Amino acid sequence: MSNTHEQEVNGLTVEIERDLCIGSGNCESLAPEVFYIDTSNLAAFQDNIPDDMDRGRVMEACGLCPVDALRATDEDGEQLVP
């Protein structure tokens, strides 16, 4: 069973591969409107992500993951980060 969580964020499809996540918190620090570190010490999605969330900041937060557990793709399925 896959432990990947997926969420649409302002036209981006963002995935968290929780089996890779080490809970560094970089994503939460840069985009707390999107990510938080849950009780398992892993990245998770916030329940109410703003519709106008800045795409650049989301991609930057994904890019800061030290183990590439976060992935962002565009509307055409092209992987943007990492």
PDB file of N, CA and C in Angstrom:
ATOM      1  N   MET A   1       0.825  -1.181   0.000  1.00  0.00           N
ATOM      2  CA  MET A   1       0.000   0.000   0.000  1.00  0.00           C
ATOM      3  C   MET A   1       0.874   1.251   0.000  1.00  0.00           C
ATOM      4  N   SER A   2       0.580   2.174  -0.897  1.00  0.00           N
ATOM      5  CA  SER A   2       1.359   3.394  -1.034  1.00  0.00           C
ATOM      6  C   SER A   2       1.090   4.332   0.134  1.00  0.00           C
ATOM      7  N   ASN A   3       2.128   4.996   0.559  1.00  0.00           N
ATOM      8  CA  ASN A   3       2.004   5.976   1.626  1.00  0.00           C
ATOM      9  C   ASN A   3       2.257   7.370   1.052  1.00  0.00           C
ATOM     10  N   THR A   4       1.691   7.621  -0.145  1.00  0.00           N
ATOM     11  CA  THR A   4       1.810   8.907  -0.805  1.00  0.00           C
ATOM     12  C   THR A   4       0.501   9.658  -0.673  1.00  0.00           C
ATOM     13  N   HIS A   5       0.598  10.892  -0.201  1.00  0.00           N
ATOM     14  CA  HIS A   5      -0.570  11.750  -0.093  1.00  0.00           C
ATOM     15  C   HIS A   5      -0.483  12.802  -1.185  1.00  0.00           C
ATOM     16  N   GLU A   6      -1.613  13.134  -1.788  1.00  0.00           N
ATOM     17  CA  GLU A   6      -1.646  14.057  -2.917  1.00  0.00           C
ATOM     18  C   GLU A   6      -2.683  15.138  -2.664  1.00  0.00           C
ATOM     19  N   GLN A   7      -2.350  16.369  -3.065  1.00  0.00           N
ATOM     20  CA  GLN A   7      -3.243  17.506  -2.865  1.00  0.00           C
ATOM     21  C   GLN A   7      -3.073  18.484  -4.025  1.00  0.00           C
ATOM     22  N   GLU A   8      -4.175  19.041  -4.482  1.00  0.00           N
ATOM     23  CA  GLU A   8      -4.150  20.101  -5.490  1.00  0.00           C
ATOM     24  C   GLU A   8      -3.931  21.423  -4.766  1.00  0.00           C
ATOM     25  N   VAL A   9      -2.932  22.195  -5.223  1.00  0.00           N
ATOM     26  CA  VAL A   9      -2.630  23.492  -4.620  1.00  0.00           C
ATOM     27  C   VAL A   9      -2.463  24.513  -5.736  1.00  0.00           C
ATOM     28  N   ASN A  10      -3.480  25.321  -5.966  1.00  0.00           N
ATOM     29  CA  ASN A  10      -3.446  26.398  -6.952  1.00  0.00           C
ATOM     30  C   ASN A  10      -2.894  25.924  -8.303  1.00  0.00           C
ATOM     31  N   GLY A  11      -3.448  24.840  -8.818  1.00  0.00           N
ATOM     32  CA  GLY A  11      -3.055  24.333 -10.132  1.00  0.00           C
ATOM     33  C   GLY A  11      -1.888  23.366 -10.117  1.00  0.00           C
ATOM     34  N   LEU A  12      -1.247  23.213  -8.983  1.00  0.00           N
ATOM     35  CA  LEU A  12      -0.152  22.244  -8.854  1.00  0.00           C
ATOM     36  C   LEU A  12      -0.689  20.984  -8.193  1.00  0.00           C
ATOM     37  N   THR A  13      -0.167  19.848  -8.606  1.00  0.00           N
ATOM     38  CA  THR A  13      -0.417  18.622  -7.868  1.00  0.00           C
ATOM     39  C   THR A  13       0.812  18.381  -7.009  1.00  0.00           C
ATOM     40  N   VAL A  14       0.609  18.377  -5.701  1.00  0.00           N
ATOM     41  CA  VAL A  14       1.705  18.205  -4.759  1.00  0.00           C
ATOM     42  C   VAL A  14       1.553  16.843  -4.100  1.00  0.00           C
ATOM     43  N   GLU A  15       2.645  16.111  -4.047  1.00  0.00           N
ATOM     44  CA  GLU A  15       2.648  14.787  -3.436  1.00  0.00           C
ATOM     45  C   GLU A  15       3.636  14.756  -2.277  1.00  0.00           C
ATOM     46  N   ILE A  16       3.245  14.089  -1.218  1.00  0.00           N
ATOM     47  CA  ILE A  16       4.138  13.806  -0.093  1.00  0.00           C
ATOM     48  C   ILE A  16       4.354  12.300  -0.071  1.00  0.00           C
ATOM     49  N   GLU A  17       5.585  11.880  -0.243  1.00  0.00           N
ATOM     50  CA  GLU A  17       5.938  10.461  -0.144  1.00  0.00           C
ATOM     51  C   GLU A  17       6.373  10.229   1.308  1.00  0.00           C
ATOM     52  N   ARG A  18       5.405   9.834   2.125  1.00  0.00           N
ATOM     53  CA  ARG A  18       5.641   9.745   3.563  1.00  0.00           C
ATOM     54  C   ARG A  18       6.652   8.668   3.947  1.00  0.00           C
ATOM     55  N   ASP A  19       6.867   7.668   3.104  1.00  0.00           N
ATOM     56  CA  ASP A  19       7.875   6.648   3.400  1.00  0.00           C
ATOM     57  C   ASP A  19       9.291   7.220   3.294  1.00  0.00           C
ATOM     58  N   LEU A  20       9.452   8.321   2.541  1.00  0.00           N
ATOM     59  CA  LEU A  20      10.759   8.971   2.400  1.00  0.00           C
ATOM     60  C   LEU A  20      10.966  10.094   3.411  1.00  0.00           C
ATOM     61  N   CYS A  21       9.873  10.688   3.867  1.00  0.00           N
ATOM     62  CA  CYS A  21       9.921  11.873   4.724  1.00  0.00           C
ATOM     63  C   CYS A  21      10.695  11.580   6.012  1.00  0.00           C
ATOM     64  N   ILE A  22      11.537  12.555   6.387  1.00  0.00           N
ATOM     65  CA  ILE A  22      12.285  12.434   7.642  1.00  0.00           C
ATOM     66  C   ILE A  22      11.843  13.496   8.657  1.00  0.00           C
ATOM     67  N   GLY A  23      10.815  14.277   8.308  1.00  0.00           N
ATOM     68  CA  GLY A  23      10.274  15.260   9.239  1.00  0.00           C
ATOM     69  C   GLY A  23      11.187  16.436   9.514  1.00  0.00           C
ATOM     70  N   SER A  24      11.969  16.863   8.523  1.00  0.00           N
ATOM     71  CA  SER A  24      12.903  17.975   8.734  1.00  0.00           C
ATOM     72  C   SER A  24      12.176  19.281   9.051  1.00  0.00           C
ATOM     73  N   GLY A  25      10.955  19.430   8.521  1.00  0.00           N
ATOM     74  CA  GLY A  25      10.178  20.638   8.783  1.00  0.00           C
ATOM     75  C   GLY A  25      10.458  21.793   7.848  1.00  0.00           C
ATOM     76  N   ASN A  26      11.351  21.607   6.875  1.00  0.00           N
ATOM     77  CA  ASN A  26      11.650  22.692   5.937  1.00  0.00           C
ATOM     78  C   ASN A  26      10.400  23.141   5.195  1.00  0.00           C
ATOM     79  N   CYS A  27       9.570  22.197   4.779  1.00  0.00           N
ATOM     80  CA  CYS A  27       8.357  22.526   4.034  1.00  0.00           C
ATOM     81  C   CYS A  27       7.408  23.346   4.897  1.00  0.00           C
ATOM     82  N   GLU A  28       7.242  22.940   6.140  1.00  0.00           N
ATOM     83  CA  GLU A  28       6.361  23.653   7.063  1.00  0.00           C
ATOM     84  C   GLU A  28       6.883  25.057   7.340  1.00  0.00           C
ATOM     85  N   SER A  29       8.197  25.211   7.467  1.00  0.00           N
ATOM     86  CA  SER A  29       8.777  26.518   7.746  1.00  0.00           C
ATOM     87  C   SER A  29       8.499  27.511   6.621  1.00  0.00           C
ATOM     88  N   LEU A  30       8.571  27.050   5.382  1.00  0.00           N
ATOM     89  CA  LEU A  30       8.387  27.949   4.245  1.00  0.00           C
ATOM     90  C   LEU A  30       6.935  28.103   3.828  1.00  0.00           C
ATOM     91  N   ALA A  31       6.130  27.066   3.954  1.00  0.00           N
ATOM     92  CA  ALA A  31       4.735  27.115   3.511  1.00  0.00           C
ATOM     93  C   ALA A  31       3.812  26.471   4.547  1.00  0.00           C
ATOM     94  N   PRO A  32       3.689  27.105   5.729  1.00  0.00           N
ATOM     95  CA  PRO A  32       2.847  26.524   6.778  1.00  0.00           C
ATOM     96  C   PRO A  32       1.361  26.491   6.417  1.00  0.00           C
ATOM     97  N   GLU A  33       0.965  27.258   5.405  1.00  0.00           N
ATOM     98  CA  GLU A  33      -0.423  27.214   4.948  1.00  0.00           C
ATOM     99  C   GLU A  33      -0.739  25.897   4.240  1.00  0.00           C
ATOM    100  N   VAL A  34       0.316  25.212   3.771  1.00  0.00           N
ATOM    101  CA  VAL A  34       0.160  23.971   3.004  1.00  0.00           C
ATOM    102  C   VAL A  34       0.578  22.750   3.816  1.00  0.00           C
ATOM    103  N   PHE A  35       1.716  22.845   4.492  1.00  0.00           N
ATOM    104  CA  PHE A  35       2.314  21.684   5.160  1.00  0.00           C
ATOM    105  C   PHE A  35       2.370  21.864   6.672  1.00  0.00           C
ATOM    106  N   TYR A  36       2.328  20.747   7.376  1.00  0.00           N
ATOM    107  CA  TYR A  36       2.644  20.719   8.801  1.00  0.00           C
ATOM    108  C   TYR A  36       3.278  19.369   9.105  1.00  0.00           C
ATOM    109  N   ILE A  37       3.980  19.305  10.227  1.00  0.00           N
ATOM    110  CA  ILE A  37       4.573  18.046  10.679  1.00  0.00           C
ATOM    111  C   ILE A  37       3.596  17.445  11.681  1.00  0.00           C
ATOM    112  N   ASP A  38       3.108  16.252  11.363  1.00  0.00           N
ATOM    113  CA  ASP A  38       2.055  15.624  12.179  1.00  0.00           C
ATOM    114  C   ASP A  38       2.636  14.874  13.380  1.00  0.00           C
ATOM    115  N   THR A  39       1.777  14.197  14.104  1.00  0.00           N
ATOM    116  CA  THR A  39       2.200  13.495  15.315  1.00  0.00           C
ATOM    117  C   THR A  39       3.131  12.310  15.036  1.00  0.00           C
ATOM    118  N   SER A  40       3.188  11.866  13.779  1.00  0.00           N
ATOM    119  CA  SER A  40       4.135  10.819  13.390  1.00  0.00           C
ATOM    120  C   SER A  40       5.480  11.406  12.986  1.00  0.00           C
ATOM    121  N   ASN A  41       5.627  12.746  13.132  1.00  0.00           N
ATOM    122  CA  ASN A  41       6.831  13.481  12.739  1.00  0.00           C
ATOM    123  C   ASN A  41       7.084  13.391  11.234  1.00  0.00           C
ATOM    124  N   LEU A  42       5.983  13.411  10.468  1.00  0.00           N
ATOM    125  CA  LEU A  42       6.055  13.384   9.010  1.00  0.00           C
ATOM    126  C   LEU A  42       5.251  14.537   8.437  1.00  0.00           C
ATOM    127  N   ALA A  43       5.629  14.972   7.236  1.00  0.00           N
ATOM    128  CA  ALA A  43       4.903  16.047   6.564  1.00  0.00           C
ATOM    129  C   ALA A  43       3.491  15.592   6.216  1.00  0.00           C
ATOM    130  N   ALA A  44       2.555  16.525   6.356  1.00  0.00           N
ATOM    131  CA  ALA A  44       1.157  16.286   6.013  1.00  0.00           C
ATOM    132  C   ALA A  44       0.587  17.588   5.459  1.00  0.00           C
ATOM    133  N   PHE A  45      -0.580  17.482   4.816  1.00  0.00           N
ATOM    134  CA  PHE A  45      -1.234  18.661   4.258  1.00  0.00           C
ATOM    135  C   PHE A  45      -2.178  19.284   5.283  1.00  0.00           C
ATOM    136  N   GLN A  46      -2.215  20.604   5.293  1.00  0.00           N
ATOM    137  CA  GLN A  46      -3.200  21.327   6.085  1.00  0.00           C
ATOM    138  C   GLN A  46      -4.585  21.034   5.521  1.00  0.00           C
ATOM    139  N   ASP A  47      -5.605  21.166   6.332  1.00  0.00           N
ATOM    140  CA  ASP A  47      -6.976  20.912   5.897  1.00  0.00           C
ATOM    141  C   ASP A  47      -7.527  22.003   4.990  1.00  0.00           C
ATOM    142  N   ASN A  48      -7.184  23.252   5.258  1.00  0.00           N
ATOM    143  CA  ASN A  48      -7.755  24.379   4.511  1.00  0.00           C
ATOM    144  C   ASN A  48      -6.656  25.199   3.861  1.00  0.00           C
ATOM    145  N   ILE A  49      -6.173  24.723   2.724  1.00  0.00           N
ATOM    146  CA  ILE A  49      -5.121  25.421   1.986  1.00  0.00           C
ATOM    147  C   ILE A  49      -5.763  26.569   1.204  1.00  0.00           C
ATOM    148  N   PRO A  50      -5.205  27.776   1.301  1.00  0.00           N
ATOM    149  CA  PRO A  50      -5.778  28.909   0.570  1.00  0.00           C
ATOM    150  C   PRO A  50      -5.802  28.658  -0.944  1.00  0.00           C
ATOM    151  N   ASP A  51      -6.909  29.028  -1.580  1.00  0.00           N
ATOM    152  CA  ASP A  51      -7.044  28.852  -3.031  1.00  0.00           C
ATOM    153  C   ASP A  51      -6.003  29.639  -3.805  1.00  0.00           C
ATOM    154  N   ASP A  52      -5.562  30.763  -3.253  1.00  0.00           N
ATOM    155  CA  ASP A  52      -4.609  31.625  -3.958  1.00  0.00           C
ATOM    156  C   ASP A  52      -3.182  31.452  -3.439  1.00  0.00           C
ATOM    157  N   MET A  53      -2.886  30.287  -2.895  1.00  0.00           N
ATOM    158  CA  MET A  53      -1.550  30.009  -2.360  1.00  0.00           C
ATOM    159  C   MET A  53      -0.503  30.254  -3.439  1.00  0.00           C
ATOM    160  N   ASP A  54       0.570  30.937  -3.090  1.00  0.00           N
ATOM    161  CA  ASP A  54       1.643  31.272  -4.016  1.00  0.00           C
ATOM    162  C   ASP A  54       2.333  30.002  -4.515  1.00  0.00           C
ATOM    163  N   ARG A  55       2.218  29.756  -5.821  1.00  0.00           N
ATOM    164  CA  ARG A  55       2.795  28.538  -6.422  1.00  0.00           C
ATOM    165  C   ARG A  55       4.309  28.488  -6.267  1.00  0.00           C
ATOM    166  N   GLY A  56       4.950  29.641  -6.410  1.00  0.00           N
ATOM    167  CA  GLY A  56       6.409  29.684  -6.287  1.00  0.00           C
ATOM    168  C   GLY A  56       6.881  29.254  -4.915  1.00  0.00           C
ATOM    169  N   ARG A  57       6.163  29.682  -3.890  1.00  0.00           N
ATOM    170  CA  ARG A  57       6.532  29.315  -2.528  1.00  0.00           C
ATOM    171  C   ARG A  57       6.289  27.833  -2.273  1.00  0.00           C
ATOM    172  N   VAL A  58       5.222  27.285  -2.870  1.00  0.00           N
ATOM    173  CA  VAL A  58       4.955  25.851  -2.732  1.00  0.00           C
ATOM    174  C   VAL A  58       6.074  25.050  -3.398  1.00  0.00           C
ATOM    175  N   MET A  59       6.483  25.468  -4.598  1.00  0.00           N
ATOM    176  CA  MET A  59       7.557  24.753  -5.289  1.00  0.00           C
ATOM    177  C   MET A  59       8.871  24.889  -4.536  1.00  0.00           C
ATOM    178  N   GLU A  60       9.134  26.068  -3.978  1.00  0.00           N
ATOM    179  CA  GLU A  60      10.353  26.255  -3.191  1.00  0.00           C
ATOM    180  C   GLU A  60      10.342  25.357  -1.955  1.00  0.00           C
ATOM    181  N   ALA A  61       9.187  25.270  -1.294  1.00  0.00           N
ATOM    182  CA  ALA A  61       9.075  24.402  -0.118  1.00  0.00           C
ATOM    183  C   ALA A  61       9.331  22.947  -0.494  1.00  0.00           C
ATOM    184  N   CYS A  62       8.795  22.518  -1.624  1.00  0.00           N
ATOM    185  CA  CYS A  62       9.042  21.143  -2.092  1.00  0.00           C
ATOM    186  C   CYS A  62      10.520  20.935  -2.393  1.00  0.00           C
ATOM    187  N   GLY A  63      11.149  21.942  -2.984  1.00  0.00           N
ATOM    188  CA  GLY A  63      12.562  21.846  -3.338  1.00  0.00           C
ATOM    189  C   GLY A  63      13.494  21.825  -2.139  1.00  0.00           C
ATOM    190  N   LEU A  64      13.034  22.312  -0.992  1.00  0.00           N
ATOM    191  CA  LEU A  64      13.867  22.330   0.210  1.00  0.00           C
ATOM    192  C   LEU A  64      13.917  20.989   0.925  1.00  0.00           C
ATOM    193  N   CYS A  65      13.085  20.053   0.523  1.00  0.00           N
ATOM    194  CA  CYS A  65      13.073  18.746   1.184  1.00  0.00           C
ATOM    195  C   CYS A  65      14.417  18.054   0.963  1.00  0.00           C
ATOM    196  N   PRO A  66      15.117  17.710   2.042  1.00  0.00           N
ATOM    197  CA  PRO A  66      16.453  17.122   1.898  1.00  0.00           C
ATOM    198  C   PRO A  66      16.453  15.693   1.343  1.00  0.00           C
ATOM    199  N   VAL A  67      15.288  15.034   1.327  1.00  0.00           N
ATOM    200  CA  VAL A  67      15.238  13.650   0.840  1.00  0.00           C
ATOM    201  C   VAL A  67      14.292  13.494  -0.356  1.00  0.00           C
ATOM    202  N   ASP A  68      13.890  14.620  -0.968  1.00  0.00           N
ATOM    203  CA  ASP A  68      12.998  14.609  -2.146  1.00  0.00           C
ATOM    204  C   ASP A  68      11.706  13.838  -1.895  1.00  0.00           C
ATOM    205  N   ALA A  69      11.142  14.019  -0.699  1.00  0.00           N
ATOM    206  CA  ALA A  69       9.868  13.368  -0.380  1.00  0.00           C
ATOM    207  C   ALA A  69       8.670  14.157  -0.905  1.00  0.00           C
ATOM    208  N   LEU A  70       8.922  15.375  -1.405  1.00  0.00           N
ATOM    209  CA  LEU A  70       7.861  16.224  -1.940  1.00  0.00           C
ATOM    210  C   LEU A  70       8.060  16.401  -3.435  1.00  0.00           C
ATOM    211  N   ARG A  71       6.950  16.326  -4.163  1.00  0.00           N
ATOM    212  CA  ARG A  71       7.002  16.455  -5.622  1.00  0.00           C
ATOM    213  C   ARG A  71       5.865  17.377  -6.051  1.00  0.00           C
ATOM    214  N   ALA A  72       6.158  18.260  -7.001  1.00  0.00           N
ATOM    215  CA  ALA A  72       5.133  19.148  -7.550  1.00  0.00           C
ATOM    216  C   ALA A  72       5.111  18.989  -9.064  1.00  0.00           C
ATOM    217  N   THR A  73       3.922  18.801  -9.602  1.00  0.00           N
ATOM    218  CA  THR A  73       3.734  18.715 -11.053  1.00  0.00           C
ATOM    219  C   THR A  73       2.707  19.759 -11.471  1.00  0.00           C
ATOM    220  N   ASP A  74       2.809  20.179 -12.735  1.00  0.00           N
ATOM    221  CA  ASP A  74       1.876  21.188 -13.233  1.00  0.00           C
ATOM    222  C   ASP A  74       0.640  20.544 -13.818  1.00  0.00           C
ATOM    223  N   GLU A  75      -0.219  21.381 -14.409  1.00  0.00           N
ATOM    224  CA  GLU A  75      -1.494  20.924 -14.955  1.00  0.00           C
ATOM    225  C   GLU A  75      -1.335  19.902 -16.078  1.00  0.00           C
ATOM    226  N   ASP A  76      -0.167  19.926 -16.743  1.00  0.00           N
ATOM    227  CA  ASP A  76       0.102  18.992 -17.836  1.00  0.00           C
ATOM    228  C   ASP A  76       0.804  17.725 -17.369  1.00  0.00           C
ATOM    229  N   GLY A  77       1.020  17.608 -16.059  1.00  0.00           N
ATOM    230  CA  GLY A  77       1.689  16.429 -15.518  1.00  0.00           C
ATOM    231  C   GLY A  77       3.203  16.515 -15.549  1.00  0.00           C
ATOM    232  N   GLU A  78       3.739  17.694 -15.940  1.00  0.00           N
ATOM    233  CA  GLU A  78       5.198  17.850 -15.982  1.00  0.00           C
ATOM    234  C   GLU A  78       5.727  18.083 -14.570  1.00  0.00           C
ATOM    235  N   GLN A  79       6.703  17.274 -14.173  1.00  0.00           N
ATOM    236  CA  GLN A  79       7.280  17.415 -12.846  1.00  0.00           C
ATOM    237  C   GLN A  79       8.127  18.669 -12.790  1.00  0.00           C
ATOM    238  N   LEU A  80       7.838  19.551 -11.836  1.00  0.00           N
ATOM    239  CA  LEU A  80       8.547  20.797 -11.685  1.00  0.00           C
ATOM    240  C   LEU A  80       9.596  20.738 -10.570  1.00  0.00           C
ATOM    241  N   VAL A  81       9.298  20.020  -9.523  1.00  0.00           N
ATOM    242  CA  VAL A  81      10.184  19.877  -8.381  1.00  0.00           C
ATOM    243  C   VAL A  81      10.037  18.449  -7.862  1.00  0.00           C
ATOM    244  N   PRO A  82      11.041  17.754  -7.454  1.00  0.00           N
ATOM    245  CA  PRO A  82      12.442  18.148  -7.552  1.00  0.00           C
ATOM    246  C   PRO A  82      12.976  17.961  -8.958  1.00  0.00           C
TER     247      PRO A  82
END
